[in-house]
């Protein structure tokens, strides 16, 4: 999911960067004063855990591998506003220090992995918790489903970006089937890791 430089056109990349800047600004405003002595260390631990977990790849299909995205997990553990900041830091460090994803595609990568996953994961988790009982099993199940759906949404957002400004010549329908198909499998791994982590925290 980490896009390299040049895969998506400059206008779309810049547009994604503007959206990310806006989301980070709103998140900073929403979290102002709320990162107290309990929340700040928790946010740091979540960032370190997701950063480390993203380094571990698991096989999916046809020689393809995937790794945890972590947006839904972060949102469940520390809330959506802090989660956006956590994911921005994680994806940013990966690009700047480890060259994991292009610098010109940084906005796109943060948008897909750090904002779409957080927003979708939050909405799905919150929606499920309104209809499920507040038991540990329900919370873990809801977190797994939210994580799975968030990965599919992230893959779909990439397909939209490719359709709007992809520099390659692949047919968008082919990209849709390939990228979303693989990420549905990756989503299973994401769901398992998220469920195990939430269960351990509970």
N, C-alpha and C. Protein backbone atom coordinates (compact mmCIF):
# COMPACT_ATOMS: atom_id res chain seq x y z
N UNK A 1 0.82 -1.21 0.00
CA UNK A 1 0.00 0.00 0.00
C UNK A 1 0.86 1.26 0.00
N UNK A 2 2.15 1.13 0.38
CA UNK A 2 3.03 2.30 0.32
C UNK A 2 3.32 2.64 -1.14
N UNK A 3 2.81 3.77 -1.60
CA UNK A 3 3.01 4.15 -2.99
C UNK A 3 4.37 4.81 -3.21
N UNK A 4 5.02 4.50 -4.31
CA UNK A 4 6.28 5.16 -4.64
C UNK A 4 6.04 6.50 -5.32
N UNK A 5 7.11 7.25 -5.52
CA UNK A 5 7.01 8.51 -6.26
C UNK A 5 6.60 8.23 -7.69
N UNK A 6 5.77 9.11 -8.24
CA UNK A 6 5.45 9.05 -9.65
C UNK A 6 4.31 8.13 -10.05
N UNK A 7 3.78 7.34 -9.12
CA UNK A 7 2.70 6.44 -9.49
C UNK A 7 1.40 7.21 -9.76
N UNK A 8 1.17 8.25 -8.97
CA UNK A 8 -0.02 9.09 -9.10
C UNK A 8 0.42 10.50 -9.50
N UNK A 9 -0.36 11.15 -10.33
CA UNK A 9 -0.01 12.47 -10.85
C UNK A 9 0.15 13.51 -9.74
N UNK A 10 0.91 14.55 -10.05
CA UNK A 10 1.19 15.61 -9.08
C UNK A 10 -0.08 16.29 -8.55
N UNK A 11 -1.05 16.65 -9.40
CA UNK A 11 -2.25 17.32 -8.86
C UNK A 11 -2.99 16.48 -7.83
N UNK A 12 -3.13 15.18 -8.10
CA UNK A 12 -3.83 14.30 -7.15
C UNK A 12 -3.00 14.15 -5.87
N UNK A 13 -1.68 14.03 -6.02
CA UNK A 13 -0.79 13.92 -4.86
C UNK A 13 -0.87 15.17 -3.99
N UNK A 14 -0.88 16.32 -4.64
CA UNK A 14 -0.96 17.59 -3.90
C UNK A 14 -2.32 17.70 -3.21
N UNK A 15 -3.37 17.31 -3.92
CA UNK A 15 -4.70 17.33 -3.32
C UNK A 15 -4.79 16.46 -2.07
N UNK A 16 -4.18 15.28 -2.15
CA UNK A 16 -4.15 14.39 -0.99
C UNK A 16 -3.37 15.03 0.16
N UNK A 17 -2.27 15.69 -0.19
CA UNK A 17 -1.48 16.37 0.83
C UNK A 17 -2.25 17.46 1.54
N UNK A 18 -3.06 18.18 0.78
CA UNK A 18 -3.90 19.24 1.37
C UNK A 18 -4.93 18.64 2.32
N UNK A 19 -5.56 17.54 1.90
CA UNK A 19 -6.53 16.87 2.75
C UNK A 19 -5.89 16.38 4.05
N UNK A 20 -4.71 15.82 3.92
CA UNK A 20 -4.00 15.33 5.11
C UNK A 20 -3.64 16.47 6.05
N UNK A 21 -3.14 17.57 5.48
CA UNK A 21 -2.79 18.74 6.30
C UNK A 21 -4.01 19.24 7.07
N UNK A 22 -5.16 19.26 6.40
CA UNK A 22 -6.39 19.69 7.05
C UNK A 22 -6.80 18.74 8.16
N UNK A 23 -6.70 17.44 7.89
CA UNK A 23 -7.06 16.45 8.90
C UNK A 23 -6.15 16.52 10.12
N UNK A 24 -4.86 16.72 9.88
CA UNK A 24 -3.91 16.83 10.99
C UNK A 24 -4.18 18.10 11.80
N UNK A 25 -4.47 19.19 11.11
CA UNK A 25 -4.77 20.46 11.80
C UNK A 25 -6.00 20.31 12.69
N UNK A 26 -7.06 19.69 12.16
CA UNK A 26 -8.28 19.47 12.95
C UNK A 26 -7.99 18.55 14.13
N UNK A 27 -7.20 17.50 13.89
CA UNK A 27 -6.87 16.56 14.96
C UNK A 27 -6.07 17.23 16.07
N UNK A 28 -5.13 18.08 15.69
CA UNK A 28 -4.35 18.81 16.69
C UNK A 28 -5.25 19.71 17.53
N UNK A 29 -6.21 20.35 16.86
CA UNK A 29 -7.14 21.22 17.58
C UNK A 29 -8.03 20.41 18.52
N UNK A 30 -8.50 19.27 18.05
CA UNK A 30 -9.40 18.44 18.85
C UNK A 30 -8.68 17.81 20.05
N UNK A 31 -7.39 17.54 19.89
CA UNK A 31 -6.66 16.87 20.97
C UNK A 31 -5.95 17.86 21.90
N UNK A 32 -6.04 19.14 21.60
CA UNK A 32 -5.38 20.14 22.43
C UNK A 32 -5.90 20.06 23.86
N UNK A 33 -4.99 19.83 24.79
CA UNK A 33 -5.36 19.75 26.20
C UNK A 33 -5.82 18.38 26.65
N UNK A 34 -6.04 17.46 25.69
CA UNK A 34 -6.54 16.13 26.07
C UNK A 34 -5.42 15.10 26.19
N UNK A 35 -4.24 15.43 25.69
CA UNK A 35 -3.12 14.51 25.80
C UNK A 35 -2.46 14.67 27.17
N UNK A 36 -3.13 14.14 28.19
CA UNK A 36 -2.65 14.27 29.56
C UNK A 36 -1.62 13.20 29.88
N UNK A 37 -1.30 13.06 31.15
CA UNK A 37 -0.25 12.14 31.57
C UNK A 37 -0.61 10.67 31.31
N UNK A 38 -1.90 10.39 31.09
CA UNK A 38 -2.30 9.02 30.78
C UNK A 38 -2.41 8.79 29.27
N UNK A 39 -3.00 9.74 28.55
CA UNK A 39 -3.23 9.56 27.12
C UNK A 39 -1.95 9.67 26.30
N UNK A 40 -1.06 10.59 26.66
CA UNK A 40 0.17 10.78 25.88
C UNK A 40 1.03 9.51 25.83
N UNK A 41 1.31 8.87 26.99
CA UNK A 41 2.08 7.62 26.93
C UNK A 41 1.37 6.52 26.14
N UNK A 42 0.04 6.46 26.27
CA UNK A 42 -0.73 5.46 25.53
C UNK A 42 -0.61 5.69 24.03
N UNK A 43 -0.69 6.96 23.61
CA UNK A 43 -0.54 7.29 22.19
C UNK A 43 0.85 6.89 21.70
N UNK A 44 1.85 7.16 22.52
CA UNK A 44 3.22 6.79 22.16
C UNK A 44 3.39 5.28 22.02
N UNK A 45 2.80 4.54 22.96
CA UNK A 45 2.88 3.08 22.90
C UNK A 45 2.17 2.53 21.67
N UNK A 46 1.02 3.09 21.36
CA UNK A 46 0.28 2.66 20.17
C UNK A 46 1.10 2.93 18.91
N UNK A 47 1.72 4.10 18.84
CA UNK A 47 2.54 4.45 17.67
C UNK A 47 3.71 3.48 17.52
N UNK A 48 4.38 3.19 18.62
CA UNK A 48 5.54 2.27 18.58
C UNK A 48 5.09 0.87 18.19
N UNK A 49 3.96 0.42 18.75
CA UNK A 49 3.47 -0.92 18.44
C UNK A 49 3.12 -1.04 16.96
N UNK A 50 2.38 -0.06 16.44
CA UNK A 50 1.97 -0.11 15.02
C UNK A 50 3.20 -0.02 14.11
N UNK A 51 4.13 0.85 14.47
CA UNK A 51 5.36 0.98 13.67
C UNK A 51 6.10 -0.35 13.61
N UNK A 52 6.24 -1.00 14.76
CA UNK A 52 6.95 -2.28 14.79
C UNK A 52 6.17 -3.37 14.07
N UNK A 53 4.85 -3.40 14.29
CA UNK A 53 4.02 -4.43 13.66
C UNK A 53 3.99 -4.30 12.15
N UNK A 54 4.10 -3.07 11.65
CA UNK A 54 4.10 -2.87 10.20
C UNK A 54 5.37 -3.40 9.54
N UNK A 55 6.40 -3.61 10.33
CA UNK A 55 7.65 -4.16 9.79
C UNK A 55 7.54 -5.66 9.51
N UNK A 56 6.52 -6.29 10.08
CA UNK A 56 6.36 -7.74 9.93
C UNK A 56 5.38 -8.02 8.81
N UNK A 57 5.85 -8.63 7.74
CA UNK A 57 5.00 -8.97 6.60
C UNK A 57 4.49 -10.40 6.73
N UNK A 58 3.26 -10.63 6.30
CA UNK A 58 2.73 -11.99 6.26
C UNK A 58 2.27 -12.29 4.84
N UNK A 59 2.46 -13.54 4.39
CA UNK A 59 2.10 -13.90 3.01
C UNK A 59 0.59 -13.90 2.82
N UNK A 60 0.17 -13.51 1.61
CA UNK A 60 -1.26 -13.55 1.31
C UNK A 60 -1.54 -14.46 0.11
N UNK A 61 -1.12 -14.06 -1.09
CA UNK A 61 -1.40 -14.89 -2.26
C UNK A 61 -0.44 -14.56 -3.38
N UNK A 62 -0.10 -15.58 -4.16
CA UNK A 62 0.70 -15.42 -5.38
C UNK A 62 1.97 -14.61 -5.16
N UNK A 63 2.65 -14.90 -4.06
CA UNK A 63 3.91 -14.20 -3.77
C UNK A 63 3.72 -12.82 -3.19
N UNK A 64 2.48 -12.42 -2.93
CA UNK A 64 2.21 -11.11 -2.37
C UNK A 64 2.21 -11.20 -0.85
N UNK A 65 2.70 -10.15 -0.21
CA UNK A 65 2.67 -10.11 1.25
C UNK A 65 1.96 -8.85 1.72
N UNK A 66 1.52 -8.88 2.96
CA UNK A 66 0.85 -7.72 3.53
C UNK A 66 1.36 -7.46 4.93
N UNK A 67 0.97 -6.32 5.47
CA UNK A 67 1.35 -6.01 6.85
C UNK A 67 0.22 -5.21 7.50
N UNK A 68 0.26 -5.13 8.81
CA UNK A 68 -0.73 -4.37 9.55
C UNK A 68 -0.74 -2.91 9.09
N UNK A 69 -1.91 -2.33 8.93
CA UNK A 69 -2.02 -0.88 8.71
C UNK A 69 -2.17 -0.18 10.06
N UNK A 70 -3.13 -0.65 10.84
CA UNK A 70 -3.22 -0.18 12.21
C UNK A 70 -4.12 1.00 12.49
N UNK A 71 -4.73 1.58 11.46
CA UNK A 71 -5.56 2.76 11.67
C UNK A 71 -6.76 2.48 12.55
N UNK A 72 -7.47 1.39 12.27
CA UNK A 72 -8.63 1.03 13.08
C UNK A 72 -8.21 0.70 14.50
N UNK A 73 -7.12 -0.03 14.65
CA UNK A 73 -6.62 -0.38 15.98
C UNK A 73 -6.30 0.87 16.79
N UNK A 74 -5.61 1.82 16.17
CA UNK A 74 -5.27 3.06 16.85
C UNK A 74 -6.52 3.83 17.26
N UNK A 75 -7.50 3.88 16.37
CA UNK A 75 -8.74 4.60 16.67
C UNK A 75 -9.48 3.98 17.84
N UNK A 76 -9.50 2.65 17.90
CA UNK A 76 -10.18 1.95 18.98
C UNK A 76 -9.47 2.18 20.32
N UNK A 77 -8.15 2.21 20.29
CA UNK A 77 -7.39 2.31 21.54
C UNK A 77 -7.27 3.74 22.07
N UNK A 78 -7.12 4.72 21.18
CA UNK A 78 -6.88 6.10 21.65
C UNK A 78 -7.85 7.12 21.08
N UNK A 79 -8.83 6.69 20.30
CA UNK A 79 -9.79 7.63 19.72
C UNK A 79 -9.33 8.12 18.36
N UNK A 80 -10.26 8.57 17.52
CA UNK A 80 -9.93 8.91 16.13
C UNK A 80 -8.99 10.09 15.97
N UNK A 81 -9.12 11.14 16.80
CA UNK A 81 -8.29 12.34 16.62
C UNK A 81 -6.83 12.05 16.94
N UNK A 82 -6.60 11.38 18.05
CA UNK A 82 -5.23 10.99 18.39
C UNK A 82 -4.70 9.97 17.39
N UNK A 83 -5.58 9.08 16.93
CA UNK A 83 -5.17 8.05 15.98
C UNK A 83 -4.66 8.66 14.68
N UNK A 84 -5.30 9.73 14.20
CA UNK A 84 -4.83 10.40 12.98
C UNK A 84 -3.40 10.90 13.18
N UNK A 85 -3.12 11.47 14.34
CA UNK A 85 -1.77 11.97 14.63
C UNK A 85 -0.78 10.82 14.73
N UNK A 86 -1.19 9.75 15.39
CA UNK A 86 -0.33 8.57 15.53
C UNK A 86 0.03 8.00 14.16
N UNK A 87 -0.97 7.82 13.31
CA UNK A 87 -0.72 7.23 11.99
C UNK A 87 0.09 8.15 11.09
N UNK A 88 -0.11 9.45 11.22
CA UNK A 88 0.68 10.42 10.44
C UNK A 88 2.15 10.32 10.81
N UNK A 89 2.42 10.21 12.10
CA UNK A 89 3.81 10.07 12.56
C UNK A 89 4.42 8.76 12.06
N UNK A 90 3.66 7.66 12.18
CA UNK A 90 4.17 6.35 11.78
C UNK A 90 4.50 6.31 10.29
N UNK A 91 3.54 6.71 9.46
CA UNK A 91 3.75 6.67 8.00
C UNK A 91 4.82 7.68 7.59
N UNK A 92 4.85 8.83 8.25
CA UNK A 92 5.85 9.84 7.95
C UNK A 92 7.26 9.37 8.24
N UNK A 93 7.46 8.75 9.39
CA UNK A 93 8.79 8.23 9.75
C UNK A 93 9.22 7.13 8.79
N UNK A 94 8.28 6.28 8.42
CA UNK A 94 8.61 5.21 7.47
C UNK A 94 9.13 5.78 6.15
N UNK A 95 8.51 6.84 5.68
CA UNK A 95 8.92 7.44 4.41
C UNK A 95 10.24 8.20 4.55
N UNK A 96 10.35 8.99 5.62
CA UNK A 96 11.52 9.87 5.77
C UNK A 96 12.77 9.13 6.20
N UNK A 97 12.62 8.10 7.03
CA UNK A 97 13.79 7.40 7.58
C UNK A 97 14.08 6.11 6.84
N UNK A 98 13.03 5.37 6.47
CA UNK A 98 13.24 4.05 5.87
C UNK A 98 12.90 4.00 4.38
N UNK A 99 12.55 5.15 3.79
CA UNK A 99 12.22 5.23 2.36
C UNK A 99 11.12 4.24 1.99
N UNK A 100 10.18 4.03 2.90
CA UNK A 100 9.05 3.14 2.65
C UNK A 100 7.90 4.00 2.12
N UNK A 101 7.82 4.12 0.81
CA UNK A 101 6.88 5.03 0.18
C UNK A 101 7.58 6.31 -0.24
N UNK A 102 7.19 6.86 -1.37
CA UNK A 102 7.85 8.06 -1.90
C UNK A 102 7.47 9.31 -1.15
N UNK A 103 8.38 10.29 -1.18
CA UNK A 103 8.12 11.56 -0.48
C UNK A 103 7.00 12.34 -1.16
N UNK A 104 6.97 12.32 -2.49
CA UNK A 104 5.89 13.03 -3.18
C UNK A 104 4.54 12.34 -3.01
N UNK A 105 4.59 11.06 -2.61
CA UNK A 105 3.35 10.30 -2.37
C UNK A 105 3.00 10.23 -0.89
N UNK A 106 3.73 11.01 -0.06
CA UNK A 106 3.51 10.93 1.39
C UNK A 106 2.07 11.28 1.76
N UNK A 107 1.53 12.32 1.13
CA UNK A 107 0.15 12.69 1.42
C UNK A 107 -0.82 11.58 1.06
N UNK A 108 -0.60 10.94 -0.06
CA UNK A 108 -1.45 9.83 -0.49
C UNK A 108 -1.37 8.66 0.49
N UNK A 109 -0.15 8.33 0.91
CA UNK A 109 0.04 7.20 1.81
C UNK A 109 -0.56 7.47 3.19
N UNK A 110 -0.40 8.68 3.69
CA UNK A 110 -1.01 9.02 4.98
C UNK A 110 -2.53 9.01 4.86
N UNK A 111 -3.03 9.54 3.74
CA UNK A 111 -4.48 9.57 3.53
C UNK A 111 -5.06 8.16 3.54
N UNK A 112 -4.44 7.26 2.78
CA UNK A 112 -4.98 5.90 2.65
C UNK A 112 -4.79 5.08 3.92
N UNK A 113 -3.59 5.09 4.47
CA UNK A 113 -3.29 4.22 5.61
C UNK A 113 -3.55 4.86 6.96
N UNK A 114 -3.53 6.20 7.01
CA UNK A 114 -3.63 6.87 8.30
C UNK A 114 -4.91 7.64 8.55
N UNK A 115 -5.67 7.91 7.51
CA UNK A 115 -6.91 8.68 7.72
C UNK A 115 -8.13 7.87 7.30
N UNK A 116 -8.09 7.29 6.10
CA UNK A 116 -9.22 6.46 5.66
C UNK A 116 -9.44 5.30 6.63
N UNK A 117 -8.36 4.63 7.03
CA UNK A 117 -8.50 3.50 7.95
C UNK A 117 -9.04 3.94 9.31
N UNK A 118 -8.60 5.10 9.77
CA UNK A 118 -9.07 5.62 11.06
C UNK A 118 -10.55 5.98 11.00
N UNK A 119 -10.93 6.72 9.96
CA UNK A 119 -12.33 7.16 9.83
C UNK A 119 -13.27 5.98 9.66
N UNK A 120 -12.95 5.10 8.72
CA UNK A 120 -13.81 3.94 8.47
C UNK A 120 -13.83 3.00 9.67
N UNK A 121 -12.65 2.75 10.25
CA UNK A 121 -12.59 1.88 11.42
C UNK A 121 -13.41 2.43 12.58
N UNK A 122 -13.34 3.74 12.79
CA UNK A 122 -14.12 4.37 13.86
C UNK A 122 -15.61 4.24 13.62
N UNK A 123 -16.05 4.53 12.40
CA UNK A 123 -17.48 4.48 12.08
C UNK A 123 -18.03 3.05 12.20
N UNK A 124 -17.29 2.08 11.68
CA UNK A 124 -17.76 0.69 11.75
C UNK A 124 -17.79 0.20 13.20
N UNK A 125 -16.73 0.48 13.94
CA UNK A 125 -16.66 0.03 15.34
C UNK A 125 -17.78 0.67 16.17
N UNK A 126 -17.94 1.98 16.01
CA UNK A 126 -18.99 2.68 16.77
C UNK A 126 -20.37 2.18 16.39
N UNK A 127 -20.60 1.94 15.10
CA UNK A 127 -21.89 1.44 14.66
C UNK A 127 -22.20 0.06 15.23
N UNK A 128 -21.20 -0.81 15.23
CA UNK A 128 -21.41 -2.16 15.76
C UNK A 128 -21.64 -2.14 17.27
N UNK A 129 -20.94 -1.27 17.98
CA UNK A 129 -21.09 -1.22 19.43
C UNK A 129 -22.45 -0.66 19.86
N UNK A 130 -23.13 0.01 18.93
CA UNK A 130 -24.49 0.49 19.24
C UNK A 130 -25.51 -0.63 19.22
N UNK A 131 -25.21 -1.68 18.46
CA UNK A 131 -26.17 -2.77 18.34
C UNK A 131 -25.73 -4.04 19.08
N UNK A 132 -24.47 -4.10 19.49
CA UNK A 132 -23.97 -5.27 20.21
C UNK A 132 -23.94 -5.00 21.71
N UNK A 133 -23.95 -6.06 22.48
CA UNK A 133 -23.80 -5.91 23.93
C UNK A 133 -22.37 -5.50 24.24
N UNK A 134 -22.19 -4.83 25.36
CA UNK A 134 -20.87 -4.29 25.72
C UNK A 134 -20.02 -5.33 26.46
N UNK A 135 -19.90 -6.50 25.89
CA UNK A 135 -19.07 -7.54 26.49
C UNK A 135 -17.69 -7.54 25.82
N UNK A 136 -16.75 -8.21 26.45
CA UNK A 136 -15.41 -8.30 25.88
C UNK A 136 -15.44 -8.96 24.50
N UNK A 137 -16.22 -10.03 24.38
CA UNK A 137 -16.30 -10.74 23.10
C UNK A 137 -16.85 -9.84 22.01
N UNK A 138 -17.85 -9.03 22.34
CA UNK A 138 -18.44 -8.13 21.35
C UNK A 138 -17.46 -7.06 20.92
N UNK A 139 -16.72 -6.51 21.88
CA UNK A 139 -15.74 -5.47 21.58
C UNK A 139 -14.65 -6.02 20.67
N UNK A 140 -14.17 -7.22 20.98
CA UNK A 140 -13.13 -7.85 20.16
C UNK A 140 -13.65 -8.14 18.76
N UNK A 141 -14.87 -8.67 18.66
CA UNK A 141 -15.45 -8.97 17.35
C UNK A 141 -15.65 -7.70 16.54
N UNK A 142 -16.16 -6.65 17.19
CA UNK A 142 -16.37 -5.38 16.49
C UNK A 142 -15.05 -4.78 16.01
N UNK A 143 -14.02 -4.92 16.81
CA UNK A 143 -12.71 -4.39 16.41
C UNK A 143 -12.16 -5.14 15.20
N UNK A 144 -12.37 -6.45 15.17
CA UNK A 144 -11.90 -7.25 14.04
C UNK A 144 -12.63 -6.86 12.75
N UNK A 145 -13.93 -6.72 12.84
CA UNK A 145 -14.72 -6.33 11.66
C UNK A 145 -14.33 -4.93 11.18
N UNK A 146 -14.17 -4.00 12.13
CA UNK A 146 -13.78 -2.64 11.78
C UNK A 146 -12.43 -2.62 11.09
N UNK A 147 -11.49 -3.42 11.58
CA UNK A 147 -10.16 -3.48 10.98
C UNK A 147 -10.23 -4.02 9.56
N UNK A 148 -11.01 -5.08 9.37
CA UNK A 148 -11.14 -5.69 8.05
C UNK A 148 -11.72 -4.70 7.04
N UNK A 149 -12.80 -4.04 7.42
CA UNK A 149 -13.45 -3.09 6.52
C UNK A 149 -12.55 -1.89 6.23
N UNK A 150 -11.77 -1.46 7.23
CA UNK A 150 -10.89 -0.31 7.04
C UNK A 150 -9.82 -0.58 5.99
N UNK A 151 -9.32 -1.80 5.94
CA UNK A 151 -8.31 -2.16 4.93
C UNK A 151 -8.92 -2.16 3.54
N UNK A 152 -10.12 -2.70 3.42
CA UNK A 152 -10.81 -2.69 2.12
C UNK A 152 -11.06 -1.25 1.66
N UNK A 153 -11.46 -0.39 2.60
CA UNK A 153 -11.71 1.02 2.26
C UNK A 153 -10.43 1.72 1.83
N UNK A 154 -9.33 1.40 2.49
CA UNK A 154 -8.04 1.98 2.12
C UNK A 154 -7.64 1.58 0.71
N UNK A 155 -7.83 0.30 0.39
CA UNK A 155 -7.52 -0.18 -0.96
C UNK A 155 -8.41 0.49 -2.00
N UNK A 156 -9.67 0.68 -1.67
CA UNK A 156 -10.61 1.31 -2.60
C UNK A 156 -10.23 2.78 -2.82
N UNK A 157 -9.76 3.44 -1.76
CA UNK A 157 -9.34 4.84 -1.92
C UNK A 157 -8.14 4.94 -2.85
N UNK A 158 -7.24 3.95 -2.79
CA UNK A 158 -6.11 3.92 -3.73
C UNK A 158 -6.62 3.80 -5.17
N UNK A 159 -7.60 2.93 -5.37
CA UNK A 159 -8.15 2.73 -6.72
C UNK A 159 -8.75 4.03 -7.25
N UNK A 160 -9.44 4.77 -6.39
CA UNK A 160 -10.00 6.06 -6.80
C UNK A 160 -8.88 7.03 -7.20
N UNK A 161 -7.82 7.06 -6.40
CA UNK A 161 -6.68 7.94 -6.70
C UNK A 161 -6.02 7.54 -8.02
N UNK A 162 -5.91 6.24 -8.24
CA UNK A 162 -5.33 5.76 -9.49
C UNK A 162 -6.21 6.15 -10.68
N UNK A 163 -7.51 6.04 -10.50
CA UNK A 163 -8.45 6.42 -11.56
C UNK A 163 -8.34 7.91 -11.88
N UNK A 164 -8.15 8.72 -10.84
CA UNK A 164 -8.08 10.17 -11.02
C UNK A 164 -6.75 10.63 -11.61
N UNK A 165 -5.67 9.94 -11.27
CA UNK A 165 -4.37 10.44 -11.72
C UNK A 165 -3.27 9.41 -11.83
N UNK A 166 -3.62 8.17 -12.12
CA UNK A 166 -2.60 7.14 -12.25
C UNK A 166 -1.72 7.36 -13.47
N UNK A 167 -0.41 7.27 -13.28
CA UNK A 167 0.53 7.47 -14.38
C UNK A 167 0.84 6.19 -15.13
N UNK A 168 0.42 5.05 -14.59
CA UNK A 168 0.62 3.78 -15.29
C UNK A 168 -0.53 3.57 -16.28
N UNK A 169 -0.40 2.53 -17.10
CA UNK A 169 -1.38 2.30 -18.17
C UNK A 169 -2.34 1.15 -17.86
N UNK A 170 -2.35 0.68 -16.63
CA UNK A 170 -3.25 -0.42 -16.28
C UNK A 170 -4.69 0.05 -16.29
N UNK A 171 -5.57 -0.83 -16.73
CA UNK A 171 -6.99 -0.52 -16.72
C UNK A 171 -7.48 -0.38 -15.28
N UNK A 172 -8.24 0.68 -14.98
CA UNK A 172 -8.72 0.88 -13.60
C UNK A 172 -9.51 -0.30 -13.05
N UNK A 173 -10.26 -0.98 -13.90
CA UNK A 173 -11.03 -2.15 -13.45
C UNK A 173 -10.09 -3.27 -13.02
N UNK A 174 -9.01 -3.45 -13.79
CA UNK A 174 -8.01 -4.46 -13.44
C UNK A 174 -7.35 -4.10 -12.11
N UNK A 175 -7.04 -2.82 -11.94
CA UNK A 175 -6.44 -2.36 -10.69
C UNK A 175 -7.40 -2.59 -9.53
N UNK A 176 -8.68 -2.30 -9.75
CA UNK A 176 -9.69 -2.49 -8.71
C UNK A 176 -9.74 -3.94 -8.26
N UNK A 177 -9.83 -4.85 -9.22
CA UNK A 177 -9.94 -6.28 -8.89
C UNK A 177 -8.68 -6.78 -8.20
N UNK A 178 -7.53 -6.36 -8.72
CA UNK A 178 -6.26 -6.83 -8.18
C UNK A 178 -5.99 -6.28 -6.78
N UNK A 179 -6.06 -4.95 -6.64
CA UNK A 179 -5.69 -4.31 -5.38
C UNK A 179 -6.69 -4.63 -4.28
N UNK A 180 -7.97 -4.47 -4.57
CA UNK A 180 -8.99 -4.74 -3.54
C UNK A 180 -9.01 -6.23 -3.20
N UNK A 181 -8.85 -7.09 -4.21
CA UNK A 181 -8.84 -8.53 -3.95
C UNK A 181 -7.73 -8.93 -2.99
N UNK A 182 -6.53 -8.45 -3.26
CA UNK A 182 -5.40 -8.77 -2.38
C UNK A 182 -5.61 -8.19 -0.99
N UNK A 183 -6.13 -6.98 -0.93
CA UNK A 183 -6.30 -6.34 0.38
C UNK A 183 -7.46 -6.91 1.18
N UNK A 184 -8.38 -7.61 0.54
CA UNK A 184 -9.38 -8.34 1.30
C UNK A 184 -8.70 -9.47 2.08
N UNK A 185 -7.70 -10.08 1.46
CA UNK A 185 -6.93 -11.11 2.16
C UNK A 185 -6.08 -10.49 3.27
N UNK A 186 -5.45 -9.36 2.95
CA UNK A 186 -4.66 -8.66 3.96
C UNK A 186 -5.55 -8.24 5.13
N UNK A 187 -6.79 -7.87 4.81
CA UNK A 187 -7.74 -7.47 5.84
C UNK A 187 -8.00 -8.55 6.86
N UNK A 188 -7.92 -9.81 6.44
CA UNK A 188 -8.11 -10.92 7.38
C UNK A 188 -6.98 -10.92 8.41
N UNK A 189 -5.75 -10.73 7.92
CA UNK A 189 -4.62 -10.64 8.85
C UNK A 189 -4.75 -9.44 9.77
N UNK A 190 -5.19 -8.31 9.20
CA UNK A 190 -5.40 -7.10 10.00
C UNK A 190 -6.45 -7.35 11.09
N UNK A 191 -7.52 -8.04 10.74
CA UNK A 191 -8.59 -8.32 11.70
C UNK A 191 -8.08 -9.20 12.84
N UNK A 192 -7.29 -10.21 12.50
CA UNK A 192 -6.76 -11.12 13.53
C UNK A 192 -5.83 -10.38 14.48
N UNK A 193 -4.89 -9.60 13.92
CA UNK A 193 -3.94 -8.87 14.76
C UNK A 193 -4.66 -7.86 15.64
N UNK A 194 -5.63 -7.15 15.05
CA UNK A 194 -6.38 -6.15 15.81
C UNK A 194 -7.17 -6.80 16.94
N UNK A 195 -7.84 -7.91 16.64
CA UNK A 195 -8.63 -8.61 17.65
C UNK A 195 -7.74 -9.10 18.79
N UNK A 196 -6.60 -9.68 18.46
CA UNK A 196 -5.68 -10.18 19.50
C UNK A 196 -5.16 -9.04 20.37
N UNK A 197 -4.84 -7.91 19.73
CA UNK A 197 -4.32 -6.77 20.47
C UNK A 197 -5.37 -6.16 21.40
N UNK A 198 -6.57 -5.95 20.86
CA UNK A 198 -7.66 -5.39 21.68
C UNK A 198 -8.00 -6.33 22.83
N UNK A 199 -8.01 -7.62 22.54
CA UNK A 199 -8.29 -8.61 23.58
C UNK A 199 -7.24 -8.54 24.70
N UNK A 200 -5.97 -8.41 24.30
CA UNK A 200 -4.89 -8.34 25.29
C UNK A 200 -5.02 -7.07 26.13
N UNK A 201 -5.35 -5.96 25.48
CA UNK A 201 -5.51 -4.68 26.21
C UNK A 201 -6.67 -4.77 27.19
N UNK A 202 -7.78 -5.36 26.75
CA UNK A 202 -8.93 -5.53 27.64
C UNK A 202 -8.62 -6.41 28.82
